[in-house]
Amino acid sequence: MSEMAPEMQAIKARMKATWEAGDYGLFAKYLEPGALEILERLNIAPGSHMLDVGCGAGQIAIPAARAGVQVIGVDIAENLIEQARARAAVEGLSAKFDVGDAEQLPYPDASFDTVVSLIGAMFAPRPELVVAEFVRVCRSGGRIIMANWTSTGLIGRQFKIRATYAPPPPGVPAPTLWGEEMTVRERLSEGIADLKMTRRNYPLMKFAFSVPEVVEFYRQNFGPDNRIFSALDAAGQAALRNDLEKSWAEDNLATDGTVWIEPEYLEVIAIRA
């Protein structure tokens, strides 16, 4: 791979700092019930080799390892990899976790039966490199599986809100393009024998506290919100908080003062040629 341009190095450093901010491991606990349901549906065979790209604190890699899958997780955020390693050690699991980049995976060609990215690689700034790496490390006949937020679902709409307060770097495509079928079909046009895409609702995201408390929880623990809020003045913080609270309230399925959402995502299952 050619040497990375200074502008891209700066973007990568900013992304790394963003995902290392807050406490994503605590935040990710609210993703785990849905991750378990997704994992069960994927039916990944025990003993097979799986790579989890953008693994975070191991919300899908850890339960896969419990089920006997030979798992390697990789993430750009070093603190999350440390959390995942600690969780695996506590449970006596053989899962391996590496610090690494979805655009330049440190693994041999055709070394995995399944390559998974649960709301992870969609945030990498150069999707063409992500695709090339996914295809490279997946064996022929293996599966490449992604779950990506759509632009029309709650989480995708919230990323649009955040972008009005902290515009993304020029030239970096919106992460939610990974939630659009036409874009995914274009990106996965080479090295793929079959491609299925299904819009689903992410299950069981429940918070036992109110909408304002959810926004505050995200501010403290979700890296993007943690960084954006800290960069705004008091008026900007109040405006962002108001916009986020409104979006949460619009999609809240709970009626008891708590929060329950099932945001839309695009499930992508590609068979490597």
Foldseek 3Di string as FASTA:
>chain_A
DDDDDPVVVVQLVVVQQLQQAFAVVVVCVLLQVLLVVVLVVVCDDAPFEEEEEQCFLNSNPQVVQVVRYAYEYEHQHPVSLVNNVVVCVVVVTPYHYYYDDLLDDPDQFQQGLEYEYEQGNLPDQDLLSNLVSQLGNHHAQGKYKYKAAACPWLVNVLVVLLCVQPPRDPPGDDSNLCQDPVSVCVSNVPQFDDKDKDKDWRPRSWFPAALLVVLVSCCRHNSSNVVSLVPDDPVSNVVSSVVSSVSQVVQAPDDPRIGGHGIMIMIMMTGGD
